[in-house]
Amino acid sequence: MVHGSAYSAETEGMVVRVQPSFLAAQSDPEAGHWVWAYQIEIVNLTGATVQVVARRWTITDALGRVEEVRGSGVVGEQPVIEPGDSFSYASGCPLTTPSGSMVGAYYCQDEEGRMFEIAIPHFSLDVPDTRRTLN
């Protein structure tokens, strides 16, 4: 596993940090298959308890092909994050090109029932030691 750059975004006192990693052992470039893992940390800097209820991802490969992914919660959970606490999880993304990018949002609800959206920062999926392509 080769770690890439770390990315961070803050929205309404909620911080989302992303650390992507290229998974060379799970990738097969000759077959047109590249795989990345990414570690996410969601930090609640607000004074209220917040629940992550849904997510939206936009995944773009090096050829400009776009895939939208929407779903309930994250990794099968709808985590409740207390003030000053955080929630971390890992997931992955396969592509048919050696680079791409991801960006998205989490849909959250605070303890008063207010729904709001927090940004997942735009991050690059790049094979290490190759020419980078802006996606």
N, C-alpha and C. Protein backbone atom coordinates (compact mmCIF):
# COMPACT_ATOMS: atom_id res chain seq x y z
N MET A 1 0.85 -1.17 0.00
CA MET A 1 0.00 0.00 0.00
C MET A 1 0.90 1.23 0.00
N VAL A 2 0.63 2.13 -0.91
CA VAL A 2 1.40 3.36 -1.01
C VAL A 2 0.48 4.54 -0.71
N HIS A 3 0.81 5.32 0.33
CA HIS A 3 -0.03 6.44 0.75
C HIS A 3 0.19 7.65 -0.14
N GLY A 4 -0.93 8.33 -0.44
CA GLY A 4 -0.86 9.57 -1.19
C GLY A 4 -0.98 10.76 -0.25
N SER A 5 -1.31 11.89 -0.81
CA SER A 5 -1.47 13.12 -0.03
C SER A 5 -2.72 13.03 0.84
N ALA A 6 -2.72 13.78 1.94
CA ALA A 6 -3.91 13.88 2.79
C ALA A 6 -4.71 15.11 2.35
N TYR A 7 -6.02 15.00 2.45
CA TYR A 7 -6.93 16.06 2.04
C TYR A 7 -7.89 16.35 3.20
N SER A 8 -8.34 17.61 3.30
CA SER A 8 -9.21 18.00 4.41
C SER A 8 -10.19 19.09 3.96
N ALA A 9 -11.40 19.05 4.52
CA ALA A 9 -12.40 20.10 4.28
C ALA A 9 -13.20 20.29 5.57
N GLU A 10 -13.61 21.54 5.83
CA GLU A 10 -14.45 21.83 6.99
C GLU A 10 -15.72 22.53 6.52
N THR A 11 -16.86 22.03 7.02
CA THR A 11 -18.17 22.61 6.72
C THR A 11 -18.96 22.66 8.02
N GLU A 12 -19.41 23.83 8.40
CA GLU A 12 -20.27 24.02 9.59
C GLU A 12 -19.71 23.33 10.83
N GLY A 13 -18.39 23.40 11.01
CA GLY A 13 -17.78 22.81 12.20
C GLY A 13 -17.54 21.32 12.12
N MET A 14 -17.78 20.73 10.96
CA MET A 14 -17.50 19.31 10.75
C MET A 14 -16.31 19.21 9.81
N VAL A 15 -15.28 18.46 10.22
CA VAL A 15 -14.07 18.31 9.41
C VAL A 15 -14.04 16.90 8.83
N VAL A 16 -13.76 16.82 7.54
CA VAL A 16 -13.60 15.52 6.87
C VAL A 16 -12.17 15.45 6.35
N ARG A 17 -11.45 14.41 6.79
CA ARG A 17 -10.07 14.19 6.34
C ARG A 17 -10.03 12.88 5.55
N VAL A 18 -9.29 12.90 4.43
CA VAL A 18 -9.19 11.73 3.56
C VAL A 18 -7.71 11.43 3.31
N GLN A 19 -7.35 10.16 3.42
CA GLN A 19 -6.00 9.69 3.12
C GLN A 19 -6.12 8.53 2.12
N PRO A 20 -5.92 8.80 0.81
CA PRO A 20 -5.99 7.71 -0.17
C PRO A 20 -4.68 6.93 -0.23
N SER A 21 -4.77 5.67 -0.63
CA SER A 21 -3.60 4.80 -0.78
C SER A 21 -3.80 3.91 -1.99
N PHE A 22 -2.79 3.81 -2.82
CA PHE A 22 -2.83 2.91 -3.97
C PHE A 22 -2.56 1.49 -3.49
N LEU A 23 -3.38 0.54 -3.95
CA LEU A 23 -3.23 -0.86 -3.56
C LEU A 23 -2.64 -1.65 -4.73
N ALA A 24 -1.33 -1.63 -4.83
CA ALA A 24 -0.64 -2.30 -5.94
C ALA A 24 -0.93 -3.80 -5.96
N ALA A 25 -1.00 -4.43 -4.81
CA ALA A 25 -1.21 -5.88 -4.73
C ALA A 25 -2.59 -6.30 -5.24
N GLN A 26 -3.58 -5.38 -5.19
CA GLN A 26 -4.93 -5.70 -5.66
C GLN A 26 -5.17 -5.18 -7.08
N SER A 27 -4.20 -4.47 -7.63
CA SER A 27 -4.33 -3.89 -8.97
C SER A 27 -3.71 -4.82 -10.01
N ASP A 28 -4.25 -4.75 -11.23
CA ASP A 28 -3.71 -5.52 -12.35
C ASP A 28 -3.72 -4.62 -13.59
N PRO A 29 -2.67 -3.78 -13.75
CA PRO A 29 -2.62 -2.84 -14.86
C PRO A 29 -2.78 -3.49 -16.23
N GLU A 30 -2.24 -4.68 -16.42
CA GLU A 30 -2.37 -5.35 -17.71
C GLU A 30 -3.82 -5.68 -18.04
N ALA A 31 -4.64 -5.83 -17.01
CA ALA A 31 -6.07 -6.12 -17.20
C ALA A 31 -6.90 -4.83 -17.11
N GLY A 32 -6.24 -3.68 -16.96
CA GLY A 32 -6.97 -2.41 -16.86
C GLY A 32 -7.71 -2.27 -15.55
N HIS A 33 -7.07 -2.67 -14.45
CA HIS A 33 -7.73 -2.66 -13.13
C HIS A 33 -6.76 -2.07 -12.09
N TRP A 34 -7.11 -0.89 -11.55
CA TRP A 34 -6.34 -0.22 -10.52
C TRP A 34 -7.24 -0.02 -9.30
N VAL A 35 -6.68 -0.21 -8.10
CA VAL A 35 -7.49 -0.15 -6.88
C VAL A 35 -6.84 0.78 -5.86
N TRP A 36 -7.67 1.60 -5.22
CA TRP A 36 -7.25 2.47 -4.14
C TRP A 36 -8.09 2.21 -2.91
N ALA A 37 -7.47 2.37 -1.75
CA ALA A 37 -8.20 2.42 -0.49
C ALA A 37 -8.18 3.87 -0.04
N TYR A 38 -9.13 4.23 0.79
CA TYR A 38 -9.08 5.55 1.39
C TYR A 38 -9.60 5.47 2.82
N GLN A 39 -8.89 6.17 3.69
CA GLN A 39 -9.25 6.26 5.10
C GLN A 39 -9.93 7.61 5.31
N ILE A 40 -11.10 7.59 5.94
CA ILE A 40 -11.87 8.81 6.19
C ILE A 40 -11.98 9.02 7.70
N GLU A 41 -11.80 10.27 8.11
CA GLU A 41 -12.07 10.65 9.50
C GLU A 41 -13.03 11.84 9.45
N ILE A 42 -14.15 11.70 10.17
CA ILE A 42 -15.14 12.78 10.29
C ILE A 42 -15.07 13.28 11.73
N VAL A 43 -14.72 14.55 11.89
CA VAL A 43 -14.51 15.13 13.22
C VAL A 43 -15.61 16.16 13.49
N ASN A 44 -16.25 16.03 14.64
CA ASN A 44 -17.32 16.95 15.04
C ASN A 44 -16.76 18.02 15.96
N LEU A 45 -16.56 19.23 15.42
CA LEU A 45 -16.07 20.36 16.22
C LEU A 45 -17.22 21.27 16.67
N THR A 46 -18.45 20.83 16.43
CA THR A 46 -19.61 21.64 16.83
C THR A 46 -19.95 21.35 18.30
N GLY A 47 -20.93 22.05 18.81
CA GLY A 47 -21.39 21.80 20.17
C GLY A 47 -22.58 20.86 20.23
N ALA A 48 -22.93 20.23 19.09
CA ALA A 48 -24.11 19.37 19.03
C ALA A 48 -23.74 17.96 18.56
N THR A 49 -24.54 16.99 18.97
CA THR A 49 -24.39 15.63 18.46
C THR A 49 -24.89 15.60 17.03
N VAL A 50 -24.15 14.91 16.15
CA VAL A 50 -24.47 14.87 14.72
C VAL A 50 -24.48 13.41 14.26
N GLN A 51 -25.47 13.09 13.44
CA GLN A 51 -25.54 11.75 12.84
C GLN A 51 -25.34 11.86 11.33
N VAL A 52 -24.47 10.99 10.80
CA VAL A 52 -24.27 10.91 9.35
C VAL A 52 -25.33 9.94 8.82
N VAL A 53 -26.26 10.46 8.00
CA VAL A 53 -27.38 9.63 7.55
C VAL A 53 -27.25 9.15 6.11
N ALA A 54 -26.47 9.85 5.28
CA ALA A 54 -26.32 9.45 3.88
C ALA A 54 -25.04 10.03 3.30
N ARG A 55 -24.70 9.55 2.10
CA ARG A 55 -23.48 10.01 1.43
C ARG A 55 -23.74 10.11 -0.07
N ARG A 56 -22.91 10.94 -0.72
CA ARG A 56 -22.92 11.07 -2.17
C ARG A 56 -21.47 11.19 -2.63
N TRP A 57 -21.10 10.38 -3.62
CA TRP A 57 -19.76 10.42 -4.21
C TRP A 57 -19.86 10.69 -5.70
N THR A 58 -18.91 11.46 -6.21
CA THR A 58 -18.72 11.61 -7.65
C THR A 58 -17.31 11.11 -7.93
N ILE A 59 -17.23 10.04 -8.72
CA ILE A 59 -15.95 9.40 -9.04
C ILE A 59 -15.67 9.64 -10.52
N THR A 60 -14.51 10.20 -10.83
CA THR A 60 -14.14 10.51 -12.20
C THR A 60 -12.84 9.81 -12.54
N ASP A 61 -12.82 9.09 -13.67
CA ASP A 61 -11.57 8.43 -14.06
C ASP A 61 -10.75 9.33 -14.98
N ALA A 62 -9.59 8.86 -15.40
CA ALA A 62 -8.67 9.67 -16.21
C ALA A 62 -9.21 10.02 -17.59
N LEU A 63 -10.24 9.32 -18.03
CA LEU A 63 -10.85 9.60 -19.34
C LEU A 63 -12.07 10.51 -19.20
N GLY A 64 -12.32 10.98 -17.98
CA GLY A 64 -13.44 11.89 -17.76
C GLY A 64 -14.77 11.19 -17.53
N ARG A 65 -14.78 9.87 -17.47
CA ARG A 65 -16.02 9.15 -17.18
C ARG A 65 -16.40 9.36 -15.72
N VAL A 66 -17.68 9.66 -15.47
CA VAL A 66 -18.15 10.01 -14.14
C VAL A 66 -19.16 8.97 -13.65
N GLU A 67 -18.99 8.57 -12.40
CA GLU A 67 -19.95 7.67 -11.74
C GLU A 67 -20.43 8.35 -10.47
N GLU A 68 -21.74 8.40 -10.29
CA GLU A 68 -22.35 8.95 -9.07
C GLU A 68 -22.75 7.78 -8.17
N VAL A 69 -22.38 7.86 -6.90
CA VAL A 69 -22.75 6.83 -5.93
C VAL A 69 -23.46 7.52 -4.78
N ARG A 70 -24.64 7.04 -4.46
CA ARG A 70 -25.41 7.58 -3.33
C ARG A 70 -25.84 6.41 -2.45
N GLY A 71 -25.94 6.67 -1.16
CA GLY A 71 -26.38 5.60 -0.28
C GLY A 71 -26.62 6.08 1.12
N SER A 72 -27.18 5.20 1.89
CA SER A 72 -27.48 5.46 3.29
C SER A 72 -26.21 5.31 4.12
N GLY A 73 -25.96 6.25 5.02
CA GLY A 73 -24.84 6.16 5.94
C GLY A 73 -23.49 5.97 5.28
N VAL A 74 -22.58 5.35 6.03
CA VAL A 74 -21.23 5.02 5.54
C VAL A 74 -20.88 3.62 6.03
N VAL A 75 -20.31 2.81 5.17
CA VAL A 75 -19.93 1.42 5.45
C VAL A 75 -20.99 0.68 6.29
N GLY A 76 -22.24 0.81 5.89
CA GLY A 76 -23.33 0.09 6.56
C GLY A 76 -23.76 0.68 7.90
N GLU A 77 -23.26 1.83 8.26
CA GLU A 77 -23.61 2.47 9.53
C GLU A 77 -24.13 3.88 9.28
N GLN A 78 -24.87 4.38 10.27
CA GLN A 78 -25.24 5.79 10.32
C GLN A 78 -24.69 6.32 11.65
N PRO A 79 -23.38 6.60 11.66
CA PRO A 79 -22.71 6.90 12.92
C PRO A 79 -23.22 8.19 13.58
N VAL A 80 -23.30 8.14 14.91
CA VAL A 80 -23.62 9.31 15.72
C VAL A 80 -22.30 9.80 16.29
N ILE A 81 -21.99 11.08 16.05
CA ILE A 81 -20.71 11.65 16.48
C ILE A 81 -20.98 12.75 17.50
N GLU A 82 -20.52 12.52 18.71
CA GLU A 82 -20.70 13.48 19.80
C GLU A 82 -19.79 14.69 19.59
N PRO A 83 -20.11 15.83 20.21
CA PRO A 83 -19.23 17.01 20.12
C PRO A 83 -17.80 16.66 20.55
N GLY A 84 -16.83 17.07 19.75
CA GLY A 84 -15.43 16.80 20.07
C GLY A 84 -14.96 15.41 19.71
N ASP A 85 -15.85 14.56 19.22
CA ASP A 85 -15.52 13.18 18.88
C ASP A 85 -15.32 13.04 17.38
N SER A 86 -14.92 11.84 16.95
CA SER A 86 -14.74 11.59 15.52
C SER A 86 -15.17 10.17 15.19
N PHE A 87 -15.35 9.93 13.91
CA PHE A 87 -15.68 8.60 13.40
C PHE A 87 -14.75 8.35 12.22
N SER A 88 -14.12 7.17 12.19
CA SER A 88 -13.20 6.82 11.11
C SER A 88 -13.63 5.52 10.46
N TYR A 89 -13.39 5.43 9.16
CA TYR A 89 -13.64 4.18 8.45
C TYR A 89 -12.75 4.12 7.22
N ALA A 90 -12.66 2.93 6.65
CA ALA A 90 -11.88 2.73 5.42
C ALA A 90 -12.79 2.12 4.37
N SER A 91 -12.54 2.48 3.13
CA SER A 91 -13.27 1.93 1.99
C SER A 91 -12.33 1.90 0.80
N GLY A 92 -12.88 1.59 -0.37
CA GLY A 92 -12.02 1.50 -1.53
C GLY A 92 -12.72 1.86 -2.82
N CYS A 93 -11.91 2.00 -3.87
CA CYS A 93 -12.42 2.39 -5.18
C CYS A 93 -11.58 1.75 -6.28
N PRO A 94 -12.21 0.92 -7.13
CA PRO A 94 -11.50 0.42 -8.31
C PRO A 94 -11.73 1.35 -9.49
N LEU A 95 -10.74 1.47 -10.37
CA LEU A 95 -10.90 2.23 -11.60
C LEU A 95 -10.35 1.41 -12.76
N THR A 96 -10.76 1.77 -13.97
CA THR A 96 -10.22 1.13 -15.17
C THR A 96 -9.14 2.00 -15.82
N THR A 97 -8.71 3.06 -15.12
CA THR A 97 -7.61 3.92 -15.56
C THR A 97 -6.64 4.08 -14.39
N PRO A 98 -5.38 4.46 -14.65
CA PRO A 98 -4.39 4.55 -13.58
C PRO A 98 -4.47 5.82 -12.74
N SER A 99 -5.48 6.63 -12.98
CA SER A 99 -5.68 7.79 -12.12
C SER A 99 -7.14 8.19 -12.19
N GLY A 100 -7.53 9.03 -11.24
CA GLY A 100 -8.89 9.53 -11.18
C GLY A 100 -9.03 10.43 -9.98
N SER A 101 -10.26 10.72 -9.64
CA SER A 101 -10.50 11.56 -8.46
C SER A 101 -11.87 11.25 -7.89
N MET A 102 -12.04 11.65 -6.64
CA MET A 102 -13.31 11.50 -5.95
C MET A 102 -13.62 12.78 -5.20
N VAL A 103 -14.90 13.08 -5.06
CA VAL A 103 -15.38 14.21 -4.29
C VAL A 103 -16.79 13.85 -3.86
N GLY A 104 -17.27 14.46 -2.78
CA GLY A 104 -18.62 14.11 -2.37
C GLY A 104 -19.11 14.93 -1.20
N ALA A 105 -20.13 14.37 -0.55
CA ALA A 105 -20.74 15.03 0.60
C ALA A 105 -21.38 13.99 1.50
N TYR A 106 -21.45 14.34 2.77
CA TYR A 106 -22.24 13.57 3.73
C TYR A 106 -23.46 14.40 4.08
N TYR A 107 -24.57 13.73 4.25
CA TYR A 107 -25.80 14.38 4.68
C TYR A 107 -25.98 14.03 6.15
N CYS A 108 -26.07 15.07 6.97
CA CYS A 108 -26.07 14.90 8.42
C CYS A 108 -27.34 15.49 9.03
N GLN A 109 -27.60 15.04 10.26
CA GLN A 109 -28.72 15.57 11.03
C GLN A 109 -28.22 15.85 12.43
N ASP A 110 -28.52 17.06 12.94
CA ASP A 110 -28.11 17.37 14.30
C ASP A 110 -29.19 16.95 15.28
N GLU A 111 -28.92 17.13 16.58
CA GLU A 111 -29.83 16.65 17.62
C GLU A 111 -31.17 17.37 17.64
N GLU A 112 -31.25 18.50 16.94
CA GLU A 112 -32.53 19.23 16.85
C GLU A 112 -33.29 18.84 15.59
N GLY A 113 -32.75 17.92 14.80
CA GLY A 113 -33.42 17.45 13.60
C GLY A 113 -33.07 18.21 12.34
N ARG A 114 -32.19 19.19 12.44
CA ARG A 114 -31.80 19.98 11.27
C ARG A 114 -30.90 19.15 10.37
N MET A 115 -31.26 19.08 9.07
CA MET A 115 -30.45 18.37 8.08
C MET A 115 -29.47 19.35 7.45
N PHE A 116 -28.24 18.91 7.23
CA PHE A 116 -27.25 19.74 6.56
C PHE A 116 -26.24 18.86 5.85
N GLU A 117 -25.53 19.46 4.91
CA GLU A 117 -24.57 18.75 4.08
C GLU A 117 -23.16 19.19 4.45
N ILE A 118 -22.23 18.23 4.53
CA ILE A 118 -20.83 18.57 4.75
C ILE A 118 -20.00 18.03 3.59
N ALA A 119 -18.99 18.80 3.21
CA ALA A 119 -18.17 18.46 2.05
C ALA A 119 -17.15 17.37 2.35
N ILE A 120 -17.02 16.45 1.40
CA ILE A 120 -15.89 15.53 1.37
C ILE A 120 -14.92 16.16 0.37
N PRO A 121 -13.68 16.44 0.78
CA PRO A 121 -12.77 17.15 -0.13
C PRO A 121 -12.49 16.37 -1.40
N HIS A 122 -12.25 17.10 -2.47
CA HIS A 122 -11.86 16.51 -3.74
C HIS A 122 -10.46 15.92 -3.56
N PHE A 123 -10.30 14.65 -3.89
CA PHE A 123 -8.97 14.04 -3.74
C PHE A 123 -8.61 13.21 -4.96
N SER A 124 -7.30 13.12 -5.18
CA SER A 124 -6.74 12.44 -6.35
C SER A 124 -6.45 10.99 -6.05
N LEU A 125 -6.69 10.16 -7.05
CA LEU A 125 -6.29 8.76 -7.01
C LEU A 125 -5.23 8.61 -8.10
N ASP A 126 -3.99 8.48 -7.70
CA ASP A 126 -2.88 8.42 -8.65
C ASP A 126 -1.97 7.25 -8.31
N VAL A 127 -1.52 6.56 -9.34
CA VAL A 127 -0.51 5.52 -9.16
C VAL A 127 0.80 6.24 -8.84
N PRO A 128 1.50 5.86 -7.79
CA PRO A 128 2.77 6.52 -7.45
C PRO A 128 3.77 6.41 -8.58
N ASP A 129 4.63 7.42 -8.69
CA ASP A 129 5.72 7.44 -9.65
C ASP A 129 5.28 7.43 -11.11
N THR A 130 4.06 7.93 -11.37
CA THR A 130 3.61 8.08 -12.76
C THR A 130 3.26 9.55 -12.98
N ARG A 131 3.21 9.93 -14.24
CA ARG A 131 2.84 11.31 -14.57
C ARG A 131 1.42 11.55 -14.10
N ARG A 132 1.23 12.64 -13.39
CA ARG A 132 -0.09 12.96 -12.84
C ARG A 132 -0.97 13.60 -13.90
N THR A 133 -2.24 13.23 -13.86
CA THR A 133 -3.24 13.78 -14.76
C THR A 133 -4.26 14.54 -13.94
N LEU A 134 -4.50 15.79 -14.28
CA LEU A 134 -5.55 16.53 -13.60
C LEU A 134 -6.89 16.05 -14.11
N ASN A 135 -7.75 15.63 -13.21
CA ASN A 135 -9.07 15.09 -13.59
C ASN A 135 -10.15 16.09 -13.34
